[in-house]
């Protein structure tokens, strides 16, 4: 895949976000007020732009990208019950905000 940024339309971005949240194409259509066929077309375009063929591959792509952006220690700190000492807390606050904004 090239390093050029992937461009998506506003509707494709909304579709992508809902797909990554685990919604079905039918649920995406209901949420966006469009037909399932339109959602299916958006999904095909999204897959093509990211060079994937399945939703699992799409999720894998995004997980890999997330891991590049957020240190593993910050990801671990978001796991319920993961012990965080006050020494680590200030480091993780900004990383949590970054993760939450994605």
N, C-alpha and C. Protein backbone atom coordinates (compact mmCIF):
# COMPACT_ATOMS: atom_id res chain seq x y z
N UNK A 1 0.85 -1.18 0.00
CA UNK A 1 0.00 0.00 0.00
C UNK A 1 0.89 1.23 0.00
N UNK A 2 0.53 2.27 -0.72
CA UNK A 2 1.33 3.48 -0.79
C UNK A 2 1.18 4.26 0.51
N UNK A 3 2.11 5.19 0.73
CA UNK A 3 2.08 5.98 1.96
C UNK A 3 1.21 7.22 1.82
N UNK A 4 0.60 7.43 0.66
CA UNK A 4 -0.29 8.57 0.47
C UNK A 4 -1.52 8.42 1.37
N UNK A 5 -2.02 9.54 1.89
CA UNK A 5 -3.21 9.45 2.75
C UNK A 5 -4.40 8.88 1.99
N UNK A 6 -5.20 8.12 2.69
CA UNK A 6 -6.40 7.53 2.11
C UNK A 6 -7.52 8.54 2.26
N UNK A 7 -8.14 8.89 1.16
CA UNK A 7 -9.22 9.88 1.17
C UNK A 7 -10.57 9.18 1.11
N UNK A 8 -11.45 9.56 2.04
CA UNK A 8 -12.81 9.04 2.06
C UNK A 8 -13.78 10.20 2.08
N UNK A 9 -14.93 10.00 1.47
CA UNK A 9 -15.98 11.02 1.52
C UNK A 9 -16.55 11.08 2.94
N UNK A 10 -17.26 12.15 3.28
CA UNK A 10 -17.87 12.22 4.62
C UNK A 10 -18.78 11.02 4.91
N UNK A 11 -19.57 10.58 3.92
CA UNK A 11 -20.46 9.42 4.14
C UNK A 11 -19.65 8.14 4.31
N UNK A 12 -18.56 8.00 3.55
CA UNK A 12 -17.71 6.83 3.71
C UNK A 12 -17.06 6.82 5.09
N UNK A 13 -16.66 8.00 5.57
CA UNK A 13 -16.08 8.08 6.92
C UNK A 13 -17.10 7.67 7.99
N UNK A 14 -18.33 8.14 7.85
CA UNK A 14 -19.38 7.75 8.80
C UNK A 14 -19.61 6.24 8.74
N UNK A 15 -19.62 5.71 7.52
CA UNK A 15 -19.80 4.27 7.34
C UNK A 15 -18.66 3.51 7.98
N UNK A 16 -17.44 3.95 7.74
CA UNK A 16 -16.26 3.30 8.31
C UNK A 16 -16.33 3.28 9.83
N UNK A 17 -16.66 4.41 10.42
CA UNK A 17 -16.74 4.50 11.88
C UNK A 17 -17.76 3.49 12.43
N UNK A 18 -18.92 3.42 11.80
CA UNK A 18 -19.96 2.49 12.25
C UNK A 18 -19.53 1.04 12.06
N UNK A 19 -18.85 0.75 10.95
CA UNK A 19 -18.35 -0.61 10.72
C UNK A 19 -17.35 -0.99 11.81
N UNK A 20 -16.44 -0.06 12.12
CA UNK A 20 -15.43 -0.34 13.14
C UNK A 20 -16.04 -0.49 14.53
N UNK A 21 -17.22 0.09 14.72
CA UNK A 21 -17.94 -0.08 15.99
C UNK A 21 -18.69 -1.41 16.03
N UNK A 22 -18.68 -2.14 14.91
CA UNK A 22 -19.30 -3.46 14.87
C UNK A 22 -20.71 -3.52 14.31
N UNK A 23 -21.17 -2.43 13.70
CA UNK A 23 -22.52 -2.42 13.13
C UNK A 23 -22.57 -3.18 11.81
N UNK A 24 -23.70 -3.80 11.54
CA UNK A 24 -23.93 -4.48 10.27
C UNK A 24 -24.22 -3.42 9.20
N UNK A 25 -24.21 -3.85 7.95
CA UNK A 25 -24.54 -2.92 6.86
C UNK A 25 -25.97 -2.42 7.00
N UNK A 26 -26.88 -3.28 7.43
CA UNK A 26 -28.27 -2.87 7.62
C UNK A 26 -28.37 -1.81 8.73
N UNK A 27 -27.64 -2.01 9.82
CA UNK A 27 -27.65 -1.03 10.91
C UNK A 27 -27.04 0.30 10.47
N UNK A 28 -25.98 0.23 9.67
CA UNK A 28 -25.37 1.45 9.14
C UNK A 28 -26.38 2.20 8.29
N UNK A 29 -27.08 1.46 7.43
CA UNK A 29 -28.09 2.09 6.56
C UNK A 29 -29.16 2.79 7.39
N UNK A 30 -29.65 2.13 8.42
CA UNK A 30 -30.67 2.74 9.28
C UNK A 30 -30.12 3.98 9.98
N UNK A 31 -28.92 3.88 10.49
CA UNK A 31 -28.30 5.00 11.22
C UNK A 31 -28.09 6.22 10.31
N UNK A 32 -27.67 5.97 9.07
CA UNK A 32 -27.36 7.07 8.15
C UNK A 32 -28.55 7.48 7.28
N UNK A 33 -29.63 6.70 7.34
CA UNK A 33 -30.81 7.04 6.55
C UNK A 33 -30.60 6.83 5.05
N UNK A 34 -29.85 5.79 4.72
CA UNK A 34 -29.59 5.47 3.31
C UNK A 34 -29.91 3.99 3.08
N UNK A 35 -29.89 3.57 1.83
CA UNK A 35 -30.24 2.18 1.53
C UNK A 35 -29.06 1.24 1.85
N UNK A 36 -29.41 -0.01 2.05
CA UNK A 36 -28.38 -1.03 2.29
C UNK A 36 -27.48 -1.15 1.06
N UNK A 37 -28.05 -1.00 -0.13
CA UNK A 37 -27.24 -1.06 -1.36
C UNK A 37 -26.20 0.05 -1.39
N UNK A 38 -26.58 1.25 -0.94
CA UNK A 38 -25.63 2.36 -0.90
C UNK A 38 -24.52 2.06 0.10
N UNK A 39 -24.89 1.54 1.25
CA UNK A 39 -23.89 1.16 2.26
C UNK A 39 -22.95 0.12 1.67
N UNK A 40 -23.49 -0.86 0.98
CA UNK A 40 -22.67 -1.90 0.38
C UNK A 40 -21.66 -1.29 -0.61
N UNK A 41 -22.10 -0.32 -1.38
CA UNK A 41 -21.18 0.37 -2.32
C UNK A 41 -20.08 1.10 -1.55
N UNK A 42 -20.45 1.79 -0.46
CA UNK A 42 -19.45 2.48 0.37
C UNK A 42 -18.45 1.47 0.93
N UNK A 43 -18.96 0.34 1.41
CA UNK A 43 -18.08 -0.69 2.01
C UNK A 43 -17.10 -1.20 0.95
N UNK A 44 -17.57 -1.46 -0.26
CA UNK A 44 -16.69 -1.92 -1.32
C UNK A 44 -15.60 -0.88 -1.61
N UNK A 45 -15.98 0.40 -1.65
CA UNK A 45 -14.99 1.46 -1.89
C UNK A 45 -13.98 1.56 -0.74
N UNK A 46 -14.48 1.44 0.49
CA UNK A 46 -13.61 1.51 1.66
C UNK A 46 -12.60 0.36 1.62
N UNK A 47 -13.09 -0.85 1.35
CA UNK A 47 -12.19 -2.01 1.26
C UNK A 47 -11.13 -1.77 0.19
N UNK A 48 -11.56 -1.28 -0.98
CA UNK A 48 -10.61 -1.05 -2.07
C UNK A 48 -9.55 -0.02 -1.68
N UNK A 49 -9.96 1.04 -1.02
CA UNK A 49 -9.01 2.10 -0.66
C UNK A 49 -8.01 1.64 0.38
N UNK A 50 -8.43 0.73 1.27
CA UNK A 50 -7.53 0.23 2.30
C UNK A 50 -6.82 -1.06 1.87
N UNK A 51 -7.16 -1.56 0.69
CA UNK A 51 -6.51 -2.76 0.19
C UNK A 51 -6.87 -4.02 0.96
N UNK A 52 -8.12 -4.09 1.42
CA UNK A 52 -8.59 -5.26 2.16
C UNK A 52 -9.80 -5.86 1.45
N UNK A 53 -10.16 -7.09 1.86
CA UNK A 53 -11.29 -7.77 1.24
C UNK A 53 -12.40 -8.13 2.22
N UNK A 54 -12.12 -8.04 3.50
CA UNK A 54 -13.10 -8.45 4.51
C UNK A 54 -13.10 -7.46 5.67
N UNK A 55 -14.15 -7.53 6.47
CA UNK A 55 -14.22 -6.68 7.65
C UNK A 55 -13.11 -7.03 8.64
N UNK A 56 -12.78 -8.31 8.74
CA UNK A 56 -11.69 -8.72 9.64
C UNK A 56 -10.37 -8.08 9.21
N UNK A 57 -10.11 -8.05 7.91
CA UNK A 57 -8.89 -7.41 7.41
C UNK A 57 -8.92 -5.91 7.69
N UNK A 58 -10.09 -5.29 7.56
CA UNK A 58 -10.23 -3.87 7.84
C UNK A 58 -9.92 -3.59 9.32
N UNK A 59 -10.48 -4.42 10.20
CA UNK A 59 -10.22 -4.27 11.63
C UNK A 59 -8.73 -4.46 11.92
N UNK A 60 -8.13 -5.46 11.28
CA UNK A 60 -6.70 -5.70 11.46
C UNK A 60 -5.87 -4.51 11.03
N UNK A 61 -6.25 -3.90 9.92
CA UNK A 61 -5.55 -2.71 9.44
C UNK A 61 -5.58 -1.61 10.49
N UNK A 62 -6.77 -1.35 11.04
CA UNK A 62 -6.92 -0.28 12.03
C UNK A 62 -6.21 -0.59 13.33
N UNK A 63 -6.21 -1.84 13.73
CA UNK A 63 -5.48 -2.22 14.95
C UNK A 63 -3.99 -1.99 14.76
N UNK A 64 -3.46 -2.36 13.60
CA UNK A 64 -2.03 -2.14 13.32
C UNK A 64 -1.71 -0.65 13.34
N UNK A 65 -2.57 0.17 12.75
CA UNK A 65 -2.35 1.61 12.73
C UNK A 65 -2.39 2.19 14.15
N UNK A 66 -3.33 1.71 14.95
CA UNK A 66 -3.42 2.16 16.35
C UNK A 66 -2.16 1.82 17.12
N UNK A 67 -1.68 0.61 16.93
CA UNK A 67 -0.48 0.18 17.64
C UNK A 67 0.74 1.01 17.25
N UNK A 68 0.76 1.53 16.04
CA UNK A 68 1.86 2.40 15.61
C UNK A 68 1.78 3.75 16.33
N UNK A 69 0.55 4.20 16.63
CA UNK A 69 0.35 5.54 17.18
C UNK A 69 0.40 5.60 18.70
N UNK A 70 -0.02 4.53 19.37
CA UNK A 70 -0.15 4.57 20.82
C UNK A 70 0.80 3.54 21.42
N UNK A 71 1.64 3.97 22.38
CA UNK A 71 2.55 3.01 23.01
C UNK A 71 1.78 1.87 23.69
N UNK A 72 2.37 0.69 23.68
CA UNK A 72 1.73 -0.49 24.26
C UNK A 72 1.38 -0.28 25.73
N UNK A 73 2.22 0.44 26.46
CA UNK A 73 1.93 0.67 27.89
C UNK A 73 0.66 1.48 28.06
N UNK A 74 0.41 2.40 27.15
CA UNK A 74 -0.83 3.19 27.22
C UNK A 74 -2.03 2.31 26.93
N UNK A 75 -1.90 1.42 25.95
CA UNK A 75 -3.00 0.50 25.65
C UNK A 75 -3.29 -0.40 26.84
N UNK A 76 -2.24 -0.90 27.48
CA UNK A 76 -2.43 -1.76 28.64
C UNK A 76 -3.12 -1.02 29.78
N UNK A 77 -2.84 0.27 29.91
CA UNK A 77 -3.44 1.04 30.99
C UNK A 77 -4.95 1.19 30.83
N UNK A 78 -5.44 0.97 29.62
CA UNK A 78 -6.88 1.08 29.37
C UNK A 78 -7.63 -0.21 29.67
N UNK A 79 -6.89 -1.26 29.99
CA UNK A 79 -7.51 -2.54 30.33
C UNK A 79 -8.02 -2.45 31.76
N UNK A 80 -9.31 -2.74 31.99
CA UNK A 80 -9.84 -2.69 33.35
C UNK A 80 -9.01 -3.56 34.29
N UNK A 81 -8.65 -2.98 35.43
CA UNK A 81 -7.88 -3.71 36.43
C UNK A 81 -6.38 -3.63 36.24
N UNK A 82 -5.93 -3.00 35.16
CA UNK A 82 -4.49 -2.87 34.94
C UNK A 82 -3.94 -1.88 35.97
N UNK A 83 -2.94 -2.29 36.75
CA UNK A 83 -2.43 -1.40 37.80
C UNK A 83 -1.65 -0.22 37.22
N UNK A 84 -2.03 0.97 37.64
CA UNK A 84 -1.32 2.19 37.21
C UNK A 84 -0.86 2.91 38.47
N UNK A 85 0.42 3.16 38.55
CA UNK A 85 0.93 3.90 39.69
C UNK A 85 0.87 5.38 39.39
N UNK A 86 0.95 6.21 40.42
CA UNK A 86 0.90 7.66 40.21
C UNK A 86 2.06 8.12 39.34
N UNK A 87 3.17 7.40 39.38
CA UNK A 87 4.33 7.73 38.55
C UNK A 87 3.98 7.62 37.06
N UNK A 88 3.10 6.67 36.71
CA UNK A 88 2.72 6.48 35.32
C UNK A 88 1.52 7.33 34.90
N UNK A 89 0.72 7.76 35.84
CA UNK A 89 -0.56 8.41 35.52
C UNK A 89 -0.41 9.59 34.59
N UNK A 90 0.53 10.50 34.84
CA UNK A 90 0.64 11.69 33.99
C UNK A 90 1.02 11.32 32.56
N UNK A 91 1.82 10.28 32.39
CA UNK A 91 2.20 9.84 31.05
C UNK A 91 0.99 9.32 30.28
N UNK A 92 0.10 8.62 30.98
CA UNK A 92 -1.01 7.97 30.32
C UNK A 92 -2.19 8.89 30.04
N UNK A 93 -2.30 10.01 30.75
CA UNK A 93 -3.46 10.88 30.57
C UNK A 93 -3.56 11.37 29.13
N UNK A 94 -2.48 11.90 28.57
CA UNK A 94 -2.55 12.41 27.21
C UNK A 94 -2.73 11.27 26.20
N UNK A 95 -2.15 10.10 26.48
CA UNK A 95 -2.31 8.97 25.58
C UNK A 95 -3.74 8.46 25.60
N UNK A 96 -4.41 8.50 26.74
CA UNK A 96 -5.81 8.10 26.82
C UNK A 96 -6.67 9.05 25.99
N UNK A 97 -6.38 10.34 26.08
CA UNK A 97 -7.13 11.32 25.30
C UNK A 97 -6.95 11.06 23.81
N UNK A 98 -5.73 10.76 23.38
CA UNK A 98 -5.46 10.46 21.98
C UNK A 98 -6.26 9.25 21.55
N UNK A 99 -6.23 8.18 22.35
CA UNK A 99 -6.92 6.95 22.00
C UNK A 99 -8.42 7.19 21.94
N UNK A 100 -8.94 7.97 22.89
CA UNK A 100 -10.39 8.23 22.92
C UNK A 100 -10.84 9.05 21.72
N UNK A 101 -9.97 9.84 21.16
CA UNK A 101 -10.37 10.70 20.03
C UNK A 101 -10.37 9.96 18.70
N UNK A 102 -9.88 8.74 18.67
CA UNK A 102 -9.81 7.99 17.41
C UNK A 102 -11.10 7.30 17.11
